[in-house]
């Protein structure tokens, strides 16, 4: 949420085009409109929602160990912790 607030705050204050690509020396070599600033937050939001939805179906993940009745709860809990840490 803070990411969106930050982007929208500065988007309203920018006049003209914004640099969207830089060369190896750090000089801007491509420019775009202010709408280009919202692309990354949109992708981040979609990824966050996808990971949240995916965490509700741990049986479809690819695990290093075979899932058995004995270790299923531990493996699923470990996956939820991993998923939550990835999103933070």
PDB file of N, CA and C in Angstrom:
ATOM      1  N   UNK A   1       0.817  -1.184   0.000  1.00  0.00           N
ATOM      2  CA  UNK A   1       0.000   0.000   0.000  1.00  0.00           C
ATOM      3  C   UNK A   1       0.867   1.257   0.000  1.00  0.00           C
ATOM      4  N   UNK A   2       1.916   1.252   0.779  1.00  0.00           N
ATOM      5  CA  UNK A   2       2.815   2.407   0.831  1.00  0.00           C
ATOM      6  C   UNK A   2       3.457   2.645  -0.535  1.00  0.00           C
ATOM      7  N   UNK A   3       3.724   1.562  -1.252  1.00  0.00           N
ATOM      8  CA  UNK A   3       4.305   1.664  -2.585  1.00  0.00           C
ATOM      9  C   UNK A   3       3.379   2.459  -3.504  1.00  0.00           C
ATOM     10  N   UNK A   4       2.102   2.133  -3.485  1.00  0.00           N
ATOM     11  CA  UNK A   4       1.125   2.830  -4.307  1.00  0.00           C
ATOM     12  C   UNK A   4       1.023   4.299  -3.911  1.00  0.00           C
ATOM     13  N   UNK A   5       0.988   4.571  -2.610  1.00  0.00           N
ATOM     14  CA  UNK A   5       0.897   5.960  -2.148  1.00  0.00           C
ATOM     15  C   UNK A   5       2.103   6.754  -2.626  1.00  0.00           C
ATOM     16  N   UNK A   6       3.284   6.169  -2.508  1.00  0.00           N
ATOM     17  CA  UNK A   6       4.510   6.832  -2.945  1.00  0.00           C
ATOM     18  C   UNK A   6       4.465   7.158  -4.432  1.00  0.00           C
ATOM     19  N   UNK A   7       4.096   6.181  -5.245  1.00  0.00           N
ATOM     20  CA  UNK A   7       4.064   6.377  -6.696  1.00  0.00           C
ATOM     21  C   UNK A   7       3.008   7.412  -7.077  1.00  0.00           C
ATOM     22  N   UNK A   8       1.814   7.304  -6.528  1.00  0.00           N
ATOM     23  CA  UNK A   8       0.752   8.240  -6.876  1.00  0.00           C
ATOM     24  C   UNK A   8       1.059   9.655  -6.385  1.00  0.00           C
ATOM     25  N   UNK A   9       1.729   9.771  -5.244  1.00  0.00           N
ATOM     26  CA  UNK A   9       2.114  11.083  -4.717  1.00  0.00           C
ATOM     27  C   UNK A   9       3.068  11.793  -5.686  1.00  0.00           C
ATOM     28  N   UNK A  10       4.105  11.073  -6.111  1.00  0.00           N
ATOM     29  CA  UNK A  10       5.084  11.703  -6.988  1.00  0.00           C
ATOM     30  C   UNK A  10       4.604  11.808  -8.433  1.00  0.00           C
ATOM     31  N   UNK A  11       3.729  10.920  -8.837  1.00  0.00           N
ATOM     32  CA  UNK A  11       3.186  10.986 -10.197  1.00  0.00           C
ATOM     33  C   UNK A  11       2.433  12.289 -10.412  1.00  0.00           C
ATOM     34  N   UNK A  12       1.731  12.744  -9.390  1.00  0.00           N
ATOM     35  CA  UNK A  12       0.966  13.985  -9.499  1.00  0.00           C
ATOM     36  C   UNK A  12       1.873  15.209  -9.570  1.00  0.00           C
ATOM     37  N   UNK A  13       3.115  15.094  -9.142  1.00  0.00           N
ATOM     38  CA  UNK A  13       4.021  16.242  -9.091  1.00  0.00           C
ATOM     39  C   UNK A  13       5.039  16.289 -10.234  1.00  0.00           C
ATOM     40  N   UNK A  14       5.039  15.271 -11.075  1.00  0.00           N
ATOM     41  CA  UNK A  14       6.005  15.225 -12.175  1.00  0.00           C
ATOM     42  C   UNK A  14       5.444  15.977 -13.378  1.00  0.00           C
ATOM     43  N   UNK A  15       6.295  16.792 -13.960  1.00  0.00           N
ATOM     44  CA  UNK A  15       5.911  17.544 -15.160  1.00  0.00           C
ATOM     45  C   UNK A  15       6.680  16.952 -16.341  1.00  0.00           C
ATOM     46  N   UNK A  16       5.976  16.581 -17.390  1.00  0.00           N
ATOM     47  CA  UNK A  16       6.630  16.062 -18.583  1.00  0.00           C
ATOM     48  C   UNK A  16       6.860  14.561 -18.525  1.00  0.00           C
ATOM     49  N   UNK A  17       7.798  14.112 -19.356  1.00  0.00           N
ATOM     50  CA  UNK A  17       8.107  12.685 -19.466  1.00  0.00           C
ATOM     51  C   UNK A  17       9.076  12.241 -18.374  1.00  0.00           C
ATOM     52  N   UNK A  18       9.070  10.930 -18.124  1.00  0.00           N
ATOM     53  CA  UNK A  18       9.984  10.349 -17.142  1.00  0.00           C
ATOM     54  C   UNK A  18      10.921   9.387 -17.856  1.00  0.00           C
ATOM     55  N   UNK A  19      12.181   9.292 -17.418  1.00  0.00           N
ATOM     56  CA  UNK A  19      13.088   8.324 -18.031  1.00  0.00           C
ATOM     57  C   UNK A  19      12.638   6.897 -17.711  1.00  0.00           C
ATOM     58  N   UNK A  20      12.635   6.042 -18.729  1.00  0.00           N
ATOM     59  CA  UNK A  20      12.223   4.645 -18.535  1.00  0.00           C
ATOM     60  C   UNK A  20      13.356   3.655 -18.790  1.00  0.00           C
ATOM     61  N   UNK A  21      14.456   4.121 -19.370  1.00  0.00           N
ATOM     62  CA  UNK A  21      15.591   3.232 -19.633  1.00  0.00           C
ATOM     63  C   UNK A  21      16.874   4.048 -19.565  1.00  0.00           C
ATOM     64  N   UNK A  22      17.934   3.403 -19.082  1.00  0.00           N
ATOM     65  CA  UNK A  22      19.220   4.079 -18.929  1.00  0.00           C
ATOM     66  C   UNK A  22      20.315   3.270 -19.611  1.00  0.00           C
ATOM     67  N   UNK A  23      21.322   3.961 -20.147  1.00  0.00           N
ATOM     68  CA  UNK A  23      22.449   3.258 -20.755  1.00  0.00           C
ATOM     69  C   UNK A  23      23.437   2.857 -19.652  1.00  0.00           C
ATOM     70  N   UNK A  24      24.540   2.231 -20.042  1.00  0.00           N
ATOM     71  CA  UNK A  24      25.502   1.725 -19.056  1.00  0.00           C
ATOM     72  C   UNK A  24      26.163   2.846 -18.261  1.00  0.00           C
ATOM     73  N   UNK A  25      26.190   4.052 -18.796  1.00  0.00           N
ATOM     74  CA  UNK A  25      26.781   5.192 -18.096  1.00  0.00           C
ATOM     75  C   UNK A  25      25.789   5.849 -17.137  1.00  0.00           C
ATOM     76  N   UNK A  26      24.541   5.394 -17.163  1.00  0.00           N
ATOM     77  CA  UNK A  26      23.534   5.952 -16.279  1.00  0.00           C
ATOM     78  C   UNK A  26      22.755   7.100 -16.872  1.00  0.00           C
ATOM     79  N   UNK A  27      22.945   7.355 -18.143  1.00  0.00           N
ATOM     80  CA  UNK A  27      22.217   8.429 -18.816  1.00  0.00           C
ATOM     81  C   UNK A  27      20.901   7.895 -19.372  1.00  0.00           C
ATOM     82  N   UNK A  28      19.816   8.644 -19.207  1.00  0.00           N
ATOM     83  CA  UNK A  28      18.539   8.175 -19.757  1.00  0.00           C
ATOM     84  C   UNK A  28      18.577   8.165 -21.281  1.00  0.00           C
ATOM     85  N   UNK A  29      18.130   7.047 -21.873  1.00  0.00           N
ATOM     86  CA  UNK A  29      18.099   6.964 -23.330  1.00  0.00           C
ATOM     87  C   UNK A  29      16.705   6.636 -23.872  1.00  0.00           C
ATOM     88  N   UNK A  30      15.717   6.583 -22.987  1.00  0.00           N
ATOM     89  CA  UNK A  30      14.340   6.391 -23.416  1.00  0.00           C
ATOM     90  C   UNK A  30      13.425   7.063 -22.395  1.00  0.00           C
ATOM     91  N   UNK A  31      12.352   7.631 -22.875  1.00  0.00           N
ATOM     92  CA  UNK A  31      11.431   8.346 -22.011  1.00  0.00           C
ATOM     93  C   UNK A  31      10.014   7.867 -22.261  1.00  0.00           C
ATOM     94  N   UNK A  32       9.173   8.008 -21.240  1.00  0.00           N
ATOM     95  CA  UNK A  32       7.775   7.635 -21.358  1.00  0.00           C
ATOM     96  C   UNK A  32       6.912   8.603 -20.580  1.00  0.00           C
ATOM     97  N   UNK A  33       5.635   8.418 -20.676  1.00  0.00           N
ATOM     98  CA  UNK A  33       4.702   9.276 -19.955  1.00  0.00           C
ATOM     99  C   UNK A  33       4.655   8.926 -18.476  1.00  0.00           C
ATOM    100  N   UNK A  34       3.894   9.713 -17.737  1.00  0.00           N
ATOM    101  CA  UNK A  34       3.776   9.485 -16.297  1.00  0.00           C
ATOM    102  C   UNK A  34       3.098   8.154 -15.994  1.00  0.00           C
ATOM    103  N   UNK A  35       2.326   7.647 -16.927  1.00  0.00           N
ATOM    104  CA  UNK A  35       1.659   6.361 -16.734  1.00  0.00           C
ATOM    105  C   UNK A  35       2.632   5.202 -16.588  1.00  0.00           C
ATOM    106  N   UNK A  36       3.862   5.379 -17.095  1.00  0.00           N
ATOM    107  CA  UNK A  36       4.873   4.328 -16.975  1.00  0.00           C
ATOM    108  C   UNK A  36       5.254   4.074 -15.525  1.00  0.00           C
ATOM    109  N   UNK A  37       5.035   5.057 -14.655  1.00  0.00           N
ATOM    110  CA  UNK A  37       5.370   4.897 -13.242  1.00  0.00           C
ATOM    111  C   UNK A  37       4.474   3.874 -12.549  1.00  0.00           C
ATOM    112  N   UNK A  38       3.283   3.655 -13.064  1.00  0.00           N
ATOM    113  CA  UNK A  38       2.357   2.734 -12.413  1.00  0.00           C
ATOM    114  C   UNK A  38       2.525   1.288 -12.870  1.00  0.00           C
ATOM    115  N   UNK A  39       3.345   1.027 -13.863  1.00  0.00           N
ATOM    116  CA  UNK A  39       3.513  -0.338 -14.366  1.00  0.00           C
ATOM    117  C   UNK A  39       4.092  -1.263 -13.297  1.00  0.00           C
ATOM    118  N   UNK A  40       5.154  -0.846 -12.627  1.00  0.00           N
ATOM    119  CA  UNK A  40       5.777  -1.710 -11.623  1.00  0.00           C
ATOM    120  C   UNK A  40       4.863  -1.978 -10.431  1.00  0.00           C
ATOM    121  N   UNK A  41       4.160  -0.982  -9.888  1.00  0.00           N
ATOM    122  CA  UNK A  41       3.225  -1.306  -8.809  1.00  0.00           C
ATOM    123  C   UNK A  41       2.096  -2.243  -9.245  1.00  0.00           C
ATOM    124  N   UNK A  42       1.669  -2.130 -10.499  1.00  0.00           N
ATOM    125  CA  UNK A  42       0.631  -3.039 -10.995  1.00  0.00           C
ATOM    126  C   UNK A  42       1.162  -4.469 -11.019  1.00  0.00           C
ATOM    127  N   UNK A  43       2.370  -4.657 -11.545  1.00  0.00           N
ATOM    128  CA  UNK A  43       2.968  -5.997 -11.574  1.00  0.00           C
ATOM    129  C   UNK A  43       3.182  -6.531 -10.164  1.00  0.00           C
ATOM    130  N   UNK A  44       3.628  -5.686  -9.252  1.00  0.00           N
ATOM    131  CA  UNK A  44       3.860  -6.116  -7.869  1.00  0.00           C
ATOM    132  C   UNK A  44       2.553  -6.528  -7.203  1.00  0.00           C
ATOM    133  N   UNK A  45       1.478  -5.797  -7.471  1.00  0.00           N
ATOM    134  CA  UNK A  45       0.184  -6.137  -6.890  1.00  0.00           C
ATOM    135  C   UNK A  45      -0.336  -7.458  -7.441  1.00  0.00           C
ATOM    136  N   UNK A  46      -0.195  -7.657  -8.740  1.00  0.00           N
ATOM    137  CA  UNK A  46      -0.628  -8.923  -9.348  1.00  0.00           C
ATOM    138  C   UNK A  46       0.168 -10.090  -8.775  1.00  0.00           C
ATOM    139  N   UNK A  47       1.484  -9.934  -8.644  1.00  0.00           N
ATOM    140  CA  UNK A  47       2.312 -10.999  -8.072  1.00  0.00           C
ATOM    141  C   UNK A  47       1.927 -11.287  -6.632  1.00  0.00           C
ATOM    142  N   UNK A  48       1.665 -10.252  -5.848  1.00  0.00           N
ATOM    143  CA  UNK A  48       1.257 -10.423  -4.451  1.00  0.00           C
ATOM    144  C   UNK A  48      -0.057 -11.197  -4.365  1.00  0.00           C
ATOM    145  N   UNK A  49      -1.031 -10.817  -5.182  1.00  0.00           N
ATOM    146  CA  UNK A  49      -2.324 -11.516  -5.166  1.00  0.00           C
ATOM    147  C   UNK A  49      -2.188 -12.960  -5.624  1.00  0.00           C
ATOM    148  N   UNK A  50      -1.348 -13.201  -6.630  1.00  0.00           N
ATOM    149  CA  UNK A  50      -1.118 -14.560  -7.107  1.00  0.00           C
ATOM    150  C   UNK A  50      -0.484 -15.430  -6.020  1.00  0.00           C
ATOM    151  N   UNK A  51       0.531 -14.904  -5.339  1.00  0.00           N
ATOM    152  CA  UNK A  51       1.175 -15.672  -4.268  1.00  0.00           C
ATOM    153  C   UNK A  51       0.228 -15.915  -3.100  1.00  0.00           C
ATOM    154  N   UNK A  52      -0.622 -14.947  -2.808  1.00  0.00           N
ATOM    155  CA  UNK A  52      -1.612 -15.131  -1.742  1.00  0.00           C
ATOM    156  C   UNK A  52      -2.593 -16.228  -2.112  1.00  0.00           C
ATOM    157  N   UNK A  53      -3.093 -16.202  -3.328  1.00  0.00           N
ATOM    158  CA  UNK A  53      -4.026 -17.231  -3.778  1.00  0.00           C
ATOM    159  C   UNK A  53      -3.352 -18.602  -3.811  1.00  0.00           C
ATOM    160  N   UNK A  54      -2.140 -18.639  -4.302  1.00  0.00           N
ATOM    161  CA  UNK A  54      -1.417 -19.905  -4.412  1.00  0.00           C
ATOM    162  C   UNK A  54      -1.135 -20.535  -3.049  1.00  0.00           C
ATOM    163  N   UNK A  55      -0.957 -19.719  -2.024  1.00  0.00           N
ATOM    164  CA  UNK A  55      -0.650 -20.260  -0.702  1.00  0.00           C
ATOM    165  C   UNK A  55      -1.822 -21.040  -0.103  1.00  0.00           C
ATOM    166  N   UNK A  56      -3.020 -20.868  -0.640  1.00  0.00           N
ATOM    167  CA  UNK A  56      -4.171 -21.630  -0.165  1.00  0.00           C
ATOM    168  C   UNK A  56      -4.240 -23.035  -0.766  1.00  0.00           C
ATOM    169  N   UNK A  57      -3.356 -23.341  -1.698  1.00  0.00           N
ATOM    170  CA  UNK A  57      -3.335 -24.656  -2.335  1.00  0.00           C
ATOM    171  C   UNK A  57      -1.932 -25.263  -2.271  1.00  0.00           C
ATOM    172  N   UNK A  58      -1.449 -25.565  -1.061  1.00  0.00           N
ATOM    173  CA  UNK A  58      -0.066 -26.049  -0.931  1.00  0.00           C
ATOM    174  C   UNK A  58       0.162 -27.419  -1.551  1.00  0.00           C
ATOM    175  N   UNK A  59      -0.872 -28.183  -1.797  1.00  0.00           N
ATOM    176  CA  UNK A  59      -0.705 -29.513  -2.372  1.00  0.00           C
ATOM    177  C   UNK A  59      -0.218 -29.454  -3.816  1.00  0.00           C
ATOM    178  N   UNK A  60      -0.310 -28.292  -4.464  1.00  0.00           N
ATOM    179  CA  UNK A  60       0.131 -28.166  -5.854  1.00  0.00           C
ATOM    180  C   UNK A  60       1.550 -27.645  -5.994  1.00  0.00           C
ATOM    181  N   UNK A  61       2.216 -27.368  -4.884  1.00  0.00           N
ATOM    182  CA  UNK A  61       3.587 -26.882  -4.943  1.00  0.00           C
ATOM    183  C   UNK A  61       4.548 -28.025  -5.259  1.00  0.00           C
ATOM    184  N   UNK A  62       5.721 -27.666  -5.698  1.00  0.00           N
ATOM    185  CA  UNK A  62       6.758 -28.631  -5.992  1.00  0.00           C
ATOM    186  C   UNK A  62       7.690 -28.704  -4.780  1.00  0.00           C
ATOM    187  N   UNK A  63       7.683 -29.809  -4.064  1.00  0.00           N
ATOM    188  CA  UNK A  63       8.461 -29.959  -2.833  1.00  0.00           C
ATOM    189  C   UNK A  63       9.710 -30.791  -3.081  1.00  0.00           C
ATOM    190  N   UNK A  64      10.733 -30.545  -2.279  1.00  0.00           N
ATOM    191  CA  UNK A  64      11.970 -31.309  -2.402  1.00  0.00           C
ATOM    192  C   UNK A  64      11.820 -32.725  -1.876  1.00  0.00           C
ATOM    193  N   UNK A  65      10.958 -32.885  -0.887  1.00  0.00           N
ATOM    194  CA  UNK A  65      10.722 -34.201  -0.298  1.00  0.00           C
ATOM    195  C   UNK A  65       9.347 -34.710  -0.711  1.00  0.00           C
ATOM    196  N   UNK A  66       9.202 -36.009  -0.700  1.00  0.00           N
ATOM    197  CA  UNK A  66       7.902 -36.591  -0.999  1.00  0.00           C
ATOM    198  C   UNK A  66       6.946 -36.283   0.152  1.00  0.00           C
ATOM    199  N   UNK A  67       5.739 -35.892  -0.168  1.00  0.00           N
ATOM    200  CA  UNK A  67       4.744 -35.560   0.844  1.00  0.00           C
ATOM    201  C   UNK A  67       4.069 -36.849   1.296  1.00  0.00           C
ATOM    202  N   UNK A  68       4.148 -37.090   2.585  1.00  0.00           N
ATOM    203  CA  UNK A  68       3.500 -38.255   3.188  1.00  0.00           C
ATOM    204  C   UNK A  68       2.519 -37.765   4.251  1.00  0.00           C
ATOM    205  N   UNK A  69       1.768 -38.682   4.797  1.00  0.00           N
ATOM    206  CA  UNK A  69       0.825 -38.327   5.859  1.00  0.00           C
ATOM    207  C   UNK A  69       1.576 -37.764   7.060  1.00  0.00           C
ATOM    208  N   UNK A  70       2.770 -38.300   7.315  1.00  0.00           N
ATOM    209  CA  UNK A  70       3.538 -37.876   8.484  1.00  0.00           C
ATOM    210  C   UNK A  70       4.139 -36.476   8.329  1.00  0.00           C
ATOM    211  N   UNK A  71       4.578 -36.108   7.149  1.00  0.00           N
ATOM    212  CA  UNK A  71       5.271 -34.831   7.000  1.00  0.00           C
ATOM    213  C   UNK A  71       4.447 -33.760   6.271  1.00  0.00           C
ATOM    214  N   UNK A  72       3.234 -34.052   5.868  1.00  0.00           N
ATOM    215  CA  UNK A  72       2.433 -33.106   5.081  1.00  0.00           C
ATOM    216  C   UNK A  72       2.187 -31.810   5.840  1.00  0.00           C
ATOM    217  N   UNK A  73       1.802 -31.889   7.090  1.00  0.00           N
ATOM    218  CA  UNK A  73       1.512 -30.669   7.860  1.00  0.00           C
ATOM    219  C   UNK A  73       2.756 -29.796   7.993  1.00  0.00           C
ATOM    220  N   UNK A  74       3.899 -30.419   8.276  1.00  0.00           N
ATOM    221  CA  UNK A  74       5.142 -29.663   8.403  1.00  0.00           C
ATOM    222  C   UNK A  74       5.529 -29.012   7.083  1.00  0.00           C
ATOM    223  N   UNK A  75       5.434 -29.749   5.984  1.00  0.00           N
ATOM    224  CA  UNK A  75       5.805 -29.222   4.675  1.00  0.00           C
ATOM    225  C   UNK A  75       4.883 -28.072   4.259  1.00  0.00           C
ATOM    226  N   UNK A  76       3.596 -28.209   4.483  1.00  0.00           N
ATOM    227  CA  UNK A  76       2.644 -27.171   4.113  1.00  0.00           C
ATOM    228  C   UNK A  76       2.847 -25.916   4.963  1.00  0.00           C
ATOM    229  N   UNK A  77       3.134 -26.100   6.256  1.00  0.00           N
ATOM    230  CA  UNK A  77       3.394 -24.961   7.128  1.00  0.00           C
ATOM    231  C   UNK A  77       4.668 -24.238   6.703  1.00  0.00           C
ATOM    232  N   UNK A  78       5.691 -25.004   6.360  1.00  0.00           N
ATOM    233  CA  UNK A  78       6.947 -24.414   5.909  1.00  0.00           C
ATOM    234  C   UNK A  78       6.739 -23.633   4.610  1.00  0.00           C
ATOM    235  N   UNK A  79       5.909 -24.138   3.730  1.00  0.00           N
ATOM    236  CA  UNK A  79       5.610 -23.433   2.486  1.00  0.00           C
ATOM    237  C   UNK A  79       4.879 -22.134   2.768  1.00  0.00           C
ATOM    238  N   UNK A  80       3.942 -22.131   3.716  1.00  0.00           N
ATOM    239  CA  UNK A  80       3.213 -20.899   4.049  1.00  0.00           C
ATOM    240  C   UNK A  80       4.165 -19.844   4.609  1.00  0.00           C
ATOM    241  N   UNK A  81       5.097 -20.253   5.451  1.00  0.00           N
ATOM    242  CA  UNK A  81       6.083 -19.325   6.009  1.00  0.00           C
ATOM    243  C   UNK A  81       6.950 -18.763   4.886  1.00  0.00           C
ATOM    244  N   UNK A  82       7.382 -19.608   3.962  1.00  0.00           N
ATOM    245  CA  UNK A  82       8.197 -19.158   2.834  1.00  0.00           C
ATOM    246  C   UNK A  82       7.424 -18.164   1.985  1.00  0.00           C
ATOM    247  N   UNK A  83       6.188 -18.482   1.689  1.00  0.00           N
ATOM    248  CA  UNK A  83       5.354 -17.623   0.864  1.00  0.00           C
ATOM    249  C   UNK A  83       5.123 -16.266   1.532  1.00  0.00           C
ATOM    250  N   UNK A  84       4.846 -16.274   2.812  1.00  0.00           N
ATOM    251  CA  UNK A  84       4.624 -15.011   3.537  1.00  0.00           C
ATOM    252  C   UNK A  84       5.898 -14.175   3.590  1.00  0.00           C
ATOM    253  N   UNK A  85       7.051 -14.820   3.763  1.00  0.00           N
ATOM    254  CA  UNK A  85       8.302 -14.055   3.806  1.00  0.00           C
ATOM    255  C   UNK A  85       8.650 -13.497   2.432  1.00  0.00           C
ATOM    256  N   UNK A  86       8.280 -14.195   1.381  1.00  0.00           N
ATOM    257  CA  UNK A  86       8.531 -13.716   0.027  1.00  0.00           C
ATOM    258  C   UNK A  86       7.681 -12.481  -0.281  1.00  0.00           C
ATOM    259  N   UNK A  87       6.477 -12.445   0.253  1.00  0.00           N
ATOM    260  CA  UNK A  87       5.581 -11.321   0.002  1.00  0.00           C
ATOM    261  C   UNK A  87       5.932 -10.086   0.829  1.00  0.00           C
ATOM    262  N   UNK A  88       6.652 -10.256   1.920  1.00  0.00           N
ATOM    263  CA  UNK A  88       6.942  -9.094   2.778  1.00  0.00           C
ATOM    264  C   UNK A  88       8.147  -8.312   2.327  1.00  0.00           C
TER     265      UNK A  88
END
